[in-house]
Amino acid sequence: MTFNLSQLPAAERMAIQQHRQFCFESYQRQHETDAQLAVEAAWECSRLLDARGEKKAGWRQWVCEQLEALDNPVLVARIKRRLNGYVKGAGQSTHG
């Protein structure tokens, strides 16, 4: 079924077009935010992994402290997934 907007009053067509534009812009913002979050998670994960040699046995606790200090729970979850995926290959876990 198709819907012909030209048969609607101008005000209704304009409202529909504005809503469509709003939805598209919202989608774009979310996509950009997700991409930015992925980059930030990759950078943070790399920073944490690079500190393994320096922190030695205290690395796991240090990572937990670093993650607790972050204020974005979505970012923390992404970092944990990345770290656990990496560390699992080495037979360890980053959090208890």
N, C-alpha and C. Protein backbone atom coordinates (compact mmCIF):
# COMPACT_ATOMS: atom_id res chain seq x y z
N MET A 1 0.85 -1.17 0.00
CA MET A 1 0.00 0.00 0.00
C MET A 1 0.89 1.24 0.00
N THR A 2 0.59 2.15 -0.86
CA THR A 2 1.34 3.40 -0.91
C THR A 2 0.49 4.52 -0.35
N PHE A 3 1.16 5.55 0.07
CA PHE A 3 0.48 6.67 0.68
C PHE A 3 0.93 7.92 -0.06
N ASN A 4 0.00 8.60 -0.73
CA ASN A 4 0.33 9.76 -1.52
C ASN A 4 0.17 11.03 -0.67
N LEU A 5 1.29 11.63 -0.34
CA LEU A 5 1.27 12.83 0.49
C LEU A 5 0.61 14.02 -0.20
N SER A 6 0.61 14.02 -1.51
CA SER A 6 0.06 15.17 -2.23
C SER A 6 -1.45 15.31 -2.03
N GLN A 7 -2.10 14.26 -1.58
CA GLN A 7 -3.54 14.32 -1.34
C GLN A 7 -3.88 14.91 0.03
N LEU A 8 -2.86 15.13 0.86
CA LEU A 8 -3.08 15.68 2.20
C LEU A 8 -3.00 17.20 2.17
N PRO A 9 -3.61 17.83 3.14
CA PRO A 9 -3.49 19.29 3.25
C PRO A 9 -2.01 19.67 3.47
N ALA A 10 -1.66 20.88 3.04
CA ALA A 10 -0.27 21.33 3.11
C ALA A 10 0.29 21.26 4.53
N ALA A 11 -0.49 21.65 5.52
CA ALA A 11 -0.02 21.65 6.91
C ALA A 11 0.30 20.22 7.38
N GLU A 12 -0.51 19.27 6.99
CA GLU A 12 -0.28 17.88 7.38
C GLU A 12 0.95 17.31 6.67
N ARG A 13 1.09 17.65 5.39
CA ARG A 13 2.29 17.21 4.64
C ARG A 13 3.55 17.76 5.30
N MET A 14 3.51 19.03 5.66
CA MET A 14 4.66 19.67 6.29
C MET A 14 4.99 19.00 7.63
N ALA A 15 3.97 18.67 8.41
CA ALA A 15 4.18 18.01 9.71
C ALA A 15 4.82 16.64 9.50
N ILE A 16 4.37 15.90 8.51
CA ILE A 16 4.93 14.58 8.21
C ILE A 16 6.38 14.71 7.77
N GLN A 17 6.66 15.66 6.90
CA GLN A 17 8.01 15.86 6.41
C GLN A 17 8.95 16.28 7.55
N GLN A 18 8.47 17.14 8.44
CA GLN A 18 9.28 17.56 9.58
C GLN A 18 9.57 16.39 10.51
N HIS A 19 8.57 15.55 10.71
CA HIS A 19 8.77 14.37 11.56
C HIS A 19 9.78 13.41 10.92
N ARG A 20 9.68 13.21 9.63
CA ARG A 20 10.63 12.34 8.93
C ARG A 20 12.04 12.90 9.05
N GLN A 21 12.17 14.21 8.89
CA GLN A 21 13.48 14.85 9.00
C GLN A 21 14.04 14.69 10.42
N PHE A 22 13.19 14.89 11.41
CA PHE A 22 13.59 14.72 12.81
C PHE A 22 14.09 13.29 13.05
N CYS A 23 13.34 12.31 12.56
CA CYS A 23 13.71 10.90 12.75
C CYS A 23 15.06 10.60 12.08
N PHE A 24 15.25 11.11 10.87
CA PHE A 24 16.50 10.87 10.16
C PHE A 24 17.68 11.52 10.88
N GLU A 25 17.51 12.74 11.35
CA GLU A 25 18.59 13.42 12.07
C GLU A 25 18.90 12.72 13.39
N SER A 26 17.88 12.22 14.04
CA SER A 26 18.07 11.47 15.27
C SER A 26 18.87 10.19 15.00
N TYR A 27 18.54 9.50 13.92
CA TYR A 27 19.27 8.31 13.52
C TYR A 27 20.74 8.64 13.24
N GLN A 28 20.98 9.73 12.52
CA GLN A 28 22.35 10.12 12.20
C GLN A 28 23.14 10.44 13.46
N ARG A 29 22.53 11.18 14.39
CA ARG A 29 23.21 11.51 15.64
C ARG A 29 23.57 10.25 16.41
N GLN A 30 22.64 9.30 16.47
CA GLN A 30 22.89 8.05 17.19
C GLN A 30 24.03 7.27 16.54
N HIS A 31 24.04 7.24 15.23
CA HIS A 31 25.09 6.53 14.50
C HIS A 31 26.45 7.18 14.76
N GLU A 32 26.50 8.51 14.74
CA GLU A 32 27.74 9.22 15.02
C GLU A 32 28.19 8.99 16.46
N THR A 33 27.25 8.98 17.39
CA THR A 33 27.57 8.75 18.79
C THR A 33 28.13 7.35 18.99
N ASP A 34 27.52 6.36 18.34
CA ASP A 34 28.01 4.98 18.44
C ASP A 34 29.43 4.86 17.89
N ALA A 35 29.68 5.50 16.76
CA ALA A 35 31.02 5.45 16.16
C ALA A 35 32.04 6.12 17.08
N GLN A 36 31.68 7.26 17.64
CA GLN A 36 32.57 7.97 18.54
C GLN A 36 32.84 7.14 19.79
N LEU A 37 31.83 6.48 20.31
CA LEU A 37 31.97 5.64 21.49
C LEU A 37 32.88 4.45 21.19
N ALA A 38 32.76 3.87 20.02
CA ALA A 38 33.61 2.74 19.64
C ALA A 38 35.08 3.16 19.59
N VAL A 39 35.35 4.34 19.05
CA VAL A 39 36.72 4.84 18.99
C VAL A 39 37.25 5.08 20.40
N GLU A 40 36.44 5.70 21.23
CA GLU A 40 36.85 5.98 22.61
C GLU A 40 37.11 4.68 23.38
N ALA A 41 36.26 3.68 23.18
CA ALA A 41 36.44 2.40 23.87
C ALA A 41 37.72 1.71 23.40
N ALA A 42 37.99 1.77 22.11
CA ALA A 42 39.21 1.16 21.58
C ALA A 42 40.45 1.84 22.15
N TRP A 43 40.42 3.17 22.22
CA TRP A 43 41.56 3.91 22.76
C TRP A 43 41.77 3.57 24.24
N GLU A 44 40.69 3.59 24.99
CA GLU A 44 40.78 3.33 26.44
C GLU A 44 41.24 1.90 26.70
N CYS A 45 40.74 0.96 25.94
CA CYS A 45 41.15 -0.44 26.08
C CYS A 45 42.64 -0.58 25.79
N SER A 46 43.09 0.08 24.76
CA SER A 46 44.50 0.05 24.42
C SER A 46 45.35 0.64 25.54
N ARG A 47 44.89 1.75 26.11
CA ARG A 47 45.62 2.38 27.22
C ARG A 47 45.72 1.42 28.41
N LEU A 48 44.61 0.75 28.73
CA LEU A 48 44.59 -0.18 29.86
C LEU A 48 45.49 -1.39 29.60
N LEU A 49 45.44 -1.91 28.39
CA LEU A 49 46.28 -3.07 28.06
C LEU A 49 47.76 -2.70 28.04
N ASP A 50 48.06 -1.51 27.58
CA ASP A 50 49.46 -1.08 27.55
C ASP A 50 50.07 -0.99 28.94
N ALA A 51 49.24 -0.79 29.95
CA ALA A 51 49.74 -0.65 31.32
C ALA A 51 50.00 -2.00 31.99
N ARG A 52 49.70 -3.08 31.33
CA ARG A 52 49.88 -4.41 31.95
C ARG A 52 51.31 -4.63 32.40
N GLY A 53 52.26 -4.28 31.55
CA GLY A 53 53.66 -4.51 31.90
C GLY A 53 54.10 -3.68 33.08
N GLU A 54 53.59 -2.48 33.16
CA GLU A 54 53.97 -1.57 34.25
C GLU A 54 53.31 -1.96 35.57
N LYS A 55 52.05 -2.34 35.52
CA LYS A 55 51.28 -2.63 36.75
C LYS A 55 51.49 -4.05 37.27
N LYS A 56 51.91 -4.94 36.40
CA LYS A 56 52.17 -6.34 36.76
C LYS A 56 50.98 -6.99 37.47
N ALA A 57 51.20 -7.51 38.68
CA ALA A 57 50.17 -8.25 39.41
C ALA A 57 49.00 -7.35 39.83
N GLY A 58 49.23 -6.06 39.98
CA GLY A 58 48.17 -5.15 40.39
C GLY A 58 47.35 -4.60 39.24
N TRP A 59 47.61 -5.08 38.03
CA TRP A 59 46.94 -4.56 36.84
C TRP A 59 45.43 -4.74 36.91
N ARG A 60 44.98 -5.91 37.29
CA ARG A 60 43.54 -6.19 37.32
C ARG A 60 42.80 -5.22 38.24
N GLN A 61 43.33 -5.01 39.43
CA GLN A 61 42.71 -4.07 40.38
C GLN A 61 42.76 -2.65 39.83
N TRP A 62 43.87 -2.29 39.23
CA TRP A 62 44.02 -0.95 38.65
C TRP A 62 42.99 -0.72 37.55
N VAL A 63 42.77 -1.73 36.71
CA VAL A 63 41.78 -1.63 35.64
C VAL A 63 40.39 -1.41 36.24
N CYS A 64 40.06 -2.17 37.27
CA CYS A 64 38.75 -2.00 37.92
C CYS A 64 38.59 -0.58 38.45
N GLU A 65 39.63 -0.03 39.05
CA GLU A 65 39.58 1.35 39.56
C GLU A 65 39.40 2.35 38.42
N GLN A 66 40.11 2.11 37.33
CA GLN A 66 40.00 3.01 36.17
C GLN A 66 38.58 2.98 35.59
N LEU A 67 38.00 1.80 35.51
CA LEU A 67 36.64 1.67 34.96
C LEU A 67 35.61 2.29 35.89
N GLU A 68 35.81 2.14 37.20
CA GLU A 68 34.88 2.75 38.16
C GLU A 68 34.91 4.27 38.09
N ALA A 69 36.05 4.83 37.69
CA ALA A 69 36.20 6.28 37.61
C ALA A 69 35.49 6.88 36.39
N LEU A 70 35.16 6.05 35.41
CA LEU A 70 34.48 6.55 34.21
C LEU A 70 33.00 6.79 34.52
N ASP A 71 32.45 7.82 33.91
CA ASP A 71 31.06 8.18 34.21
C ASP A 71 30.06 7.72 33.16
N ASN A 72 30.51 7.02 32.14
CA ASN A 72 29.62 6.57 31.08
C ASN A 72 29.48 5.05 31.15
N PRO A 73 28.35 4.53 31.65
CA PRO A 73 28.20 3.08 31.80
C PRO A 73 28.24 2.33 30.46
N VAL A 74 27.80 2.96 29.40
CA VAL A 74 27.84 2.31 28.08
C VAL A 74 29.30 2.15 27.64
N LEU A 75 30.09 3.17 27.85
CA LEU A 75 31.52 3.10 27.52
C LEU A 75 32.20 2.03 28.36
N VAL A 76 31.91 1.99 29.64
CA VAL A 76 32.51 0.99 30.53
C VAL A 76 32.16 -0.42 30.04
N ALA A 77 30.91 -0.64 29.67
CA ALA A 77 30.50 -1.96 29.19
C ALA A 77 31.26 -2.34 27.91
N ARG A 78 31.43 -1.39 27.02
CA ARG A 78 32.18 -1.67 25.78
C ARG A 78 33.63 -2.00 26.08
N ILE A 79 34.23 -1.24 26.99
CA ILE A 79 35.63 -1.48 27.34
C ILE A 79 35.77 -2.86 27.98
N LYS A 80 34.86 -3.20 28.89
CA LYS A 80 34.91 -4.52 29.55
C LYS A 80 34.81 -5.64 28.52
N ARG A 81 33.89 -5.48 27.55
CA ARG A 81 33.76 -6.51 26.51
C ARG A 81 35.06 -6.66 25.74
N ARG A 82 35.67 -5.54 25.38
CA ARG A 82 36.93 -5.59 24.62
C ARG A 82 38.04 -6.23 25.46
N LEU A 83 38.17 -5.78 26.70
CA LEU A 83 39.21 -6.31 27.57
C LEU A 83 39.02 -7.80 27.81
N ASN A 84 37.79 -8.20 28.12
CA ASN A 84 37.53 -9.61 28.38
C ASN A 84 37.80 -10.45 27.14
N GLY A 85 37.45 -9.94 25.99
CA GLY A 85 37.75 -10.67 24.75
C GLY A 85 39.24 -10.83 24.53
N TYR A 86 39.98 -9.80 24.84
CA TYR A 86 41.43 -9.86 24.67
C TYR A 86 42.08 -10.75 25.73
N VAL A 87 41.70 -10.52 26.98
CA VAL A 87 42.33 -11.22 28.09
C VAL A 87 41.91 -12.69 28.13
N LYS A 88 40.69 -12.99 27.68
CA LYS A 88 40.22 -14.38 27.67
C LYS A 88 41.18 -15.26 26.86
N GLY A 89 41.72 -14.71 25.81
CA GLY A 89 42.69 -15.44 25.02
C GLY A 89 43.93 -15.80 25.83
N ALA A 90 44.21 -14.99 26.86
CA ALA A 90 45.36 -15.25 27.73
C ALA A 90 44.94 -16.06 28.97
N GLY A 91 43.64 -16.40 29.09
CA GLY A 91 43.16 -17.22 30.20
C GLY A 91 42.90 -16.48 31.48
N GLN A 92 42.65 -15.16 31.41
CA GLN A 92 42.40 -14.38 32.61
C GLN A 92 41.12 -13.59 32.40
N SER A 93 40.59 -13.02 33.50
CA SER A 93 39.44 -12.14 33.45
C SER A 93 39.82 -10.82 34.10
N THR A 94 39.20 -9.70 33.63
CA THR A 94 39.57 -8.38 34.15
C THR A 94 38.75 -7.94 35.32
N HIS A 95 37.65 -8.61 35.62
CA HIS A 95 36.83 -8.19 36.77
C HIS A 95 36.24 -9.42 37.43
N GLY A 96 35.92 -9.25 38.71
CA GLY A 96 35.42 -10.38 39.51
C GLY A 96 33.95 -10.49 39.54
